[in-house]
């Protein structure tokens, strides 16, 4: 096995180890969804530098997503299910909170 192949294998094992834990899956999802904005559009109107910056963030997020799907597709699905459940739980918590009276 070449040094490059060994490095790739180690990187794959490292990613899989992260994805095997709930905390690791939450972290990866948080990076992909929030920090890289890979699920959002990147166009920023006339601000071409901002669009380029957003595209760079998006490219990183897409790379992480594709690597996750390649290395551990079954754990990618688990990560998505957990993220959707967390989103639903947060929505329910918000709805259960007492509403302040409207001052209008």
N, C-alpha and C. Protein backbone atom coordinates (compact mmCIF):
# COMPACT_ATOMS: atom_id res chain seq x y z
N UNK A 1 0.85 -1.18 0.00
CA UNK A 1 0.00 0.00 0.00
C UNK A 1 0.90 1.25 0.00
N UNK A 2 0.60 2.18 -0.88
CA UNK A 2 1.42 3.39 -0.98
C UNK A 2 1.16 4.29 0.23
N UNK A 3 2.06 5.22 0.49
CA UNK A 3 1.83 6.18 1.59
C UNK A 3 0.54 6.98 1.41
N UNK A 4 0.22 7.32 0.16
CA UNK A 4 -1.02 8.06 -0.10
C UNK A 4 -2.24 7.22 0.23
N UNK A 5 -2.19 5.94 -0.13
CA UNK A 5 -3.30 5.03 0.18
C UNK A 5 -3.43 4.83 1.69
N UNK A 6 -2.29 4.73 2.36
CA UNK A 6 -2.32 4.58 3.82
C UNK A 6 -2.92 5.83 4.48
N UNK A 7 -2.55 7.00 3.99
CA UNK A 7 -3.09 8.24 4.54
C UNK A 7 -4.59 8.32 4.31
N UNK A 8 -5.03 7.92 3.14
CA UNK A 8 -6.47 7.93 2.83
C UNK A 8 -7.22 6.96 3.72
N UNK A 9 -6.67 5.78 3.91
CA UNK A 9 -7.29 4.78 4.78
C UNK A 9 -7.38 5.28 6.21
N UNK A 10 -6.33 5.94 6.69
CA UNK A 10 -6.35 6.49 8.05
C UNK A 10 -7.40 7.59 8.18
N UNK A 11 -7.50 8.46 7.17
CA UNK A 11 -8.50 9.52 7.18
C UNK A 11 -9.91 8.93 7.20
N UNK A 12 -10.12 7.88 6.42
CA UNK A 12 -11.43 7.22 6.40
C UNK A 12 -11.76 6.62 7.77
N UNK A 13 -10.78 5.97 8.39
CA UNK A 13 -10.98 5.38 9.72
C UNK A 13 -11.28 6.47 10.75
N UNK A 14 -10.58 7.59 10.64
CA UNK A 14 -10.81 8.70 11.57
C UNK A 14 -12.23 9.24 11.44
N UNK A 15 -12.68 9.46 10.21
CA UNK A 15 -14.03 9.97 10.00
C UNK A 15 -15.06 8.98 10.50
N UNK A 16 -14.86 7.71 10.22
CA UNK A 16 -15.79 6.69 10.70
C UNK A 16 -15.85 6.68 12.22
N UNK A 17 -14.72 6.83 12.88
CA UNK A 17 -14.69 6.86 14.35
C UNK A 17 -15.49 8.05 14.88
N UNK A 18 -15.39 9.19 14.24
CA UNK A 18 -16.18 10.36 14.64
C UNK A 18 -17.66 10.09 14.47
N UNK A 19 -18.02 9.51 13.34
CA UNK A 19 -19.43 9.26 13.02
C UNK A 19 -20.06 8.16 13.86
N UNK A 20 -19.24 7.35 14.51
CA UNK A 20 -19.78 6.28 15.35
C UNK A 20 -20.35 6.80 16.66
N UNK A 21 -20.08 8.05 17.01
CA UNK A 21 -20.60 8.60 18.26
C UNK A 21 -21.68 9.62 17.98
N UNK A 22 -22.71 9.69 18.83
CA UNK A 22 -23.73 10.72 18.65
C UNK A 22 -23.14 12.13 18.66
N UNK A 23 -22.18 12.38 19.54
CA UNK A 23 -21.55 13.71 19.60
C UNK A 23 -20.82 14.02 18.31
N UNK A 24 -20.16 13.04 17.74
CA UNK A 24 -19.45 13.24 16.48
C UNK A 24 -20.40 13.54 15.34
N UNK A 25 -21.53 12.81 15.30
CA UNK A 25 -22.52 13.06 14.25
C UNK A 25 -23.14 14.44 14.41
N UNK A 26 -23.41 14.86 15.65
CA UNK A 26 -23.96 16.21 15.87
C UNK A 26 -22.97 17.26 15.40
N UNK A 27 -21.69 17.05 15.70
CA UNK A 27 -20.66 18.02 15.29
C UNK A 27 -20.58 18.11 13.77
N UNK A 28 -20.50 16.98 13.10
CA UNK A 28 -20.41 16.99 11.64
C UNK A 28 -21.64 17.67 11.04
N UNK A 29 -22.83 17.36 11.55
CA UNK A 29 -24.04 17.99 11.03
C UNK A 29 -24.02 19.50 11.24
N UNK A 30 -23.59 19.91 12.43
CA UNK A 30 -23.52 21.34 12.75
C UNK A 30 -22.57 22.05 11.79
N UNK A 31 -21.45 21.45 11.50
CA UNK A 31 -20.49 22.05 10.56
C UNK A 31 -21.12 22.14 9.18
N UNK A 32 -21.70 21.06 8.71
CA UNK A 32 -22.26 21.04 7.35
C UNK A 32 -23.45 21.99 7.23
N UNK A 33 -24.34 21.95 8.21
CA UNK A 33 -25.58 22.73 8.09
C UNK A 33 -25.37 24.21 8.40
N UNK A 34 -24.67 24.52 9.45
CA UNK A 34 -24.59 25.90 9.91
C UNK A 34 -23.33 26.63 9.48
N UNK A 35 -22.19 26.01 9.69
CA UNK A 35 -20.93 26.72 9.48
C UNK A 35 -20.55 26.84 8.01
N UNK A 36 -20.89 25.85 7.21
CA UNK A 36 -20.48 25.91 5.80
C UNK A 36 -21.59 26.38 4.89
N UNK A 37 -22.78 26.46 5.40
CA UNK A 37 -23.94 26.89 4.62
C UNK A 37 -24.08 26.11 3.32
N UNK A 38 -23.68 24.85 3.34
CA UNK A 38 -23.70 24.05 2.10
C UNK A 38 -25.11 23.73 1.64
N UNK A 39 -26.09 23.90 2.52
CA UNK A 39 -27.47 23.62 2.14
C UNK A 39 -28.19 24.87 1.65
N UNK A 40 -27.51 26.01 1.69
CA UNK A 40 -28.09 27.29 1.27
C UNK A 40 -27.52 27.72 -0.07
N UNK A 41 -28.16 28.70 -0.66
CA UNK A 41 -27.60 29.31 -1.86
C UNK A 41 -26.40 30.17 -1.50
N UNK A 42 -25.52 30.39 -2.44
CA UNK A 42 -24.31 31.16 -2.15
C UNK A 42 -24.30 32.52 -2.81
N UNK A 43 -25.25 32.77 -3.70
CA UNK A 43 -25.27 34.03 -4.44
C UNK A 43 -25.54 35.19 -3.49
N UNK A 44 -24.74 36.24 -3.59
CA UNK A 44 -24.87 37.41 -2.71
C UNK A 44 -25.07 38.68 -3.52
N UNK A 45 -25.82 38.58 -4.60
CA UNK A 45 -26.11 39.76 -5.41
C UNK A 45 -24.87 40.32 -6.07
N UNK A 46 -24.74 41.62 -6.00
CA UNK A 46 -23.61 42.31 -6.63
C UNK A 46 -22.30 42.12 -5.87
N UNK A 47 -22.36 41.59 -4.67
CA UNK A 47 -21.16 41.40 -3.85
C UNK A 47 -20.44 40.13 -4.28
N UNK A 48 -19.66 40.24 -5.34
CA UNK A 48 -19.01 39.05 -5.90
C UNK A 48 -18.03 38.40 -4.94
N UNK A 49 -17.37 39.21 -4.10
CA UNK A 49 -16.45 38.62 -3.12
C UNK A 49 -17.21 37.79 -2.09
N UNK A 50 -18.38 38.29 -1.71
CA UNK A 50 -19.20 37.54 -0.75
C UNK A 50 -19.69 36.24 -1.38
N UNK A 51 -20.07 36.29 -2.64
CA UNK A 51 -20.51 35.08 -3.33
C UNK A 51 -19.36 34.08 -3.40
N UNK A 52 -18.17 34.55 -3.73
CA UNK A 52 -17.01 33.66 -3.80
C UNK A 52 -16.71 33.04 -2.44
N UNK A 53 -16.80 33.85 -1.39
CA UNK A 53 -16.58 33.35 -0.03
C UNK A 53 -17.61 32.28 0.31
N UNK A 54 -18.88 32.58 0.04
CA UNK A 54 -19.95 31.63 0.31
C UNK A 54 -19.76 30.33 -0.47
N UNK A 55 -19.31 30.45 -1.71
CA UNK A 55 -19.05 29.25 -2.52
C UNK A 55 -17.91 28.43 -1.93
N UNK A 56 -16.91 29.09 -1.37
CA UNK A 56 -15.83 28.36 -0.70
C UNK A 56 -16.33 27.59 0.50
N UNK A 57 -17.16 28.25 1.32
CA UNK A 57 -17.76 27.57 2.47
C UNK A 57 -18.59 26.38 2.01
N UNK A 58 -19.39 26.61 0.99
CA UNK A 58 -20.26 25.57 0.47
C UNK A 58 -19.46 24.38 -0.05
N UNK A 59 -18.36 24.66 -0.73
CA UNK A 59 -17.51 23.58 -1.25
C UNK A 59 -16.97 22.71 -0.13
N UNK A 60 -16.58 23.32 0.97
CA UNK A 60 -16.10 22.56 2.13
C UNK A 60 -17.22 21.68 2.68
N UNK A 61 -18.40 22.25 2.82
CA UNK A 61 -19.54 21.48 3.33
C UNK A 61 -19.90 20.31 2.43
N UNK A 62 -19.89 20.55 1.13
CA UNK A 62 -20.19 19.47 0.19
C UNK A 62 -19.13 18.37 0.25
N UNK A 63 -17.88 18.77 0.40
CA UNK A 63 -16.80 17.78 0.50
C UNK A 63 -17.00 16.91 1.75
N UNK A 64 -17.30 17.54 2.88
CA UNK A 64 -17.54 16.77 4.10
C UNK A 64 -18.73 15.84 3.92
N UNK A 65 -19.79 16.34 3.32
CA UNK A 65 -20.98 15.51 3.09
C UNK A 65 -20.65 14.31 2.20
N UNK A 66 -19.96 14.55 1.10
CA UNK A 66 -19.61 13.46 0.18
C UNK A 66 -18.68 12.45 0.83
N UNK A 67 -17.72 12.92 1.62
CA UNK A 67 -16.81 12.01 2.31
C UNK A 67 -17.58 11.17 3.33
N UNK A 68 -18.50 11.80 4.03
CA UNK A 68 -19.31 11.07 5.01
C UNK A 68 -20.14 10.00 4.32
N UNK A 69 -20.75 10.34 3.20
CA UNK A 69 -21.55 9.38 2.46
C UNK A 69 -20.69 8.24 1.91
N UNK A 70 -19.48 8.55 1.48
CA UNK A 70 -18.60 7.52 0.92
C UNK A 70 -18.09 6.58 2.00
N UNK A 71 -17.65 7.14 3.13
CA UNK A 71 -17.01 6.35 4.18
C UNK A 71 -18.03 5.55 4.98
N UNK A 72 -19.16 6.17 5.30
CA UNK A 72 -20.13 5.50 6.18
C UNK A 72 -21.55 5.91 5.80
N UNK A 73 -22.04 5.43 4.66
CA UNK A 73 -23.37 5.85 4.23
C UNK A 73 -24.46 5.55 5.24
N UNK A 74 -24.33 4.43 5.95
CA UNK A 74 -25.35 4.08 6.95
C UNK A 74 -25.33 5.07 8.11
N UNK A 75 -24.16 5.57 8.48
CA UNK A 75 -24.08 6.54 9.57
C UNK A 75 -24.50 7.94 9.11
N UNK A 76 -24.35 8.21 7.82
CA UNK A 76 -24.86 9.47 7.28
C UNK A 76 -26.38 9.51 7.44
N UNK A 77 -27.03 8.40 7.14
CA UNK A 77 -28.49 8.32 7.28
C UNK A 77 -28.88 8.49 8.75
N UNK A 78 -28.15 7.84 9.65
CA UNK A 78 -28.43 8.00 11.09
C UNK A 78 -28.27 9.46 11.49
N UNK A 79 -27.22 10.12 10.99
CA UNK A 79 -26.98 11.52 11.32
C UNK A 79 -28.15 12.39 10.85
N UNK A 80 -28.65 12.14 9.65
CA UNK A 80 -29.80 12.90 9.15
C UNK A 80 -31.04 12.66 10.01
N UNK A 81 -31.28 11.42 10.36
CA UNK A 81 -32.45 11.10 11.19
C UNK A 81 -32.35 11.80 12.54
N UNK A 82 -31.17 11.78 13.14
CA UNK A 82 -30.98 12.44 14.43
C UNK A 82 -31.16 13.95 14.30
N UNK A 83 -30.66 14.53 13.24
CA UNK A 83 -30.80 15.98 13.04
C UNK A 83 -32.26 16.35 12.87
N UNK A 84 -33.01 15.57 12.11
CA UNK A 84 -34.43 15.84 11.93
C UNK A 84 -35.19 15.69 13.25
N UNK A 85 -34.82 14.69 14.03
CA UNK A 85 -35.47 14.49 15.33
C UNK A 85 -35.17 15.66 16.26
N UNK A 86 -33.93 16.12 16.27
CA UNK A 86 -33.55 17.26 17.11
C UNK A 86 -34.31 18.51 16.69
N UNK A 87 -34.46 18.72 15.40
CA UNK A 87 -35.21 19.87 14.89
C UNK A 87 -36.68 19.79 15.34
N UNK A 88 -37.25 18.61 15.26
CA UNK A 88 -38.64 18.43 15.69
C UNK A 88 -38.78 18.63 17.20
N UNK A 89 -37.83 18.09 17.97
CA UNK A 89 -37.87 18.28 19.42
C UNK A 89 -37.75 19.76 19.79
N UNK A 90 -36.90 20.49 19.10
CA UNK A 90 -36.74 21.93 19.37
C UNK A 90 -38.03 22.68 19.04
N UNK A 91 -38.67 22.30 17.95
CA UNK A 91 -39.94 22.93 17.58
C UNK A 91 -40.99 22.68 18.66
N UNK A 92 -41.06 21.47 19.15
CA UNK A 92 -42.04 21.15 20.20
C UNK A 92 -41.75 21.90 21.49
N UNK A 93 -40.46 22.04 21.83
CA UNK A 93 -40.10 22.81 23.03
C UNK A 93 -40.53 24.26 22.89
N UNK A 94 -40.32 24.83 21.71
CA UNK A 94 -40.73 26.23 21.47
C UNK A 94 -42.24 26.37 21.59
N UNK A 95 -42.96 25.44 21.03
CA UNK A 95 -44.43 25.50 21.08
C UNK A 95 -44.96 25.32 22.49
N UNK A 96 -44.24 24.57 23.32
CA UNK A 96 -44.69 24.32 24.69
C UNK A 96 -44.38 25.49 25.63
N UNK A 97 -43.53 26.40 25.20
CA UNK A 97 -43.19 27.55 26.04
C UNK A 97 -44.38 28.50 26.14
N UNK A 98 -44.62 29.04 27.34
CA UNK A 98 -45.71 29.99 27.47
C UNK A 98 -45.43 31.24 26.61
N UNK A 99 -46.47 31.71 25.98
CA UNK A 99 -46.34 32.89 25.12
C UNK A 99 -46.57 34.15 25.96
N UNK A 100 -45.77 35.18 25.68
CA UNK A 100 -45.96 36.46 26.35
C UNK A 100 -47.17 37.15 25.72
N UNK A 101 -47.95 37.86 26.55
CA UNK A 101 -49.11 38.56 25.98
C UNK A 101 -48.68 39.61 24.98
N UNK A 102 -49.47 39.76 23.95
CA UNK A 102 -49.20 40.74 22.90
C UNK A 102 -49.57 42.13 23.37
N UNK A 103 -48.62 43.05 23.32
CA UNK A 103 -48.86 44.42 23.78
C UNK A 103 -49.22 45.29 22.59
N UNK A 104 -50.35 45.18 22.09
CA UNK A 104 -50.66 45.97 20.92
C UNK A 104 -52.03 46.32 20.85
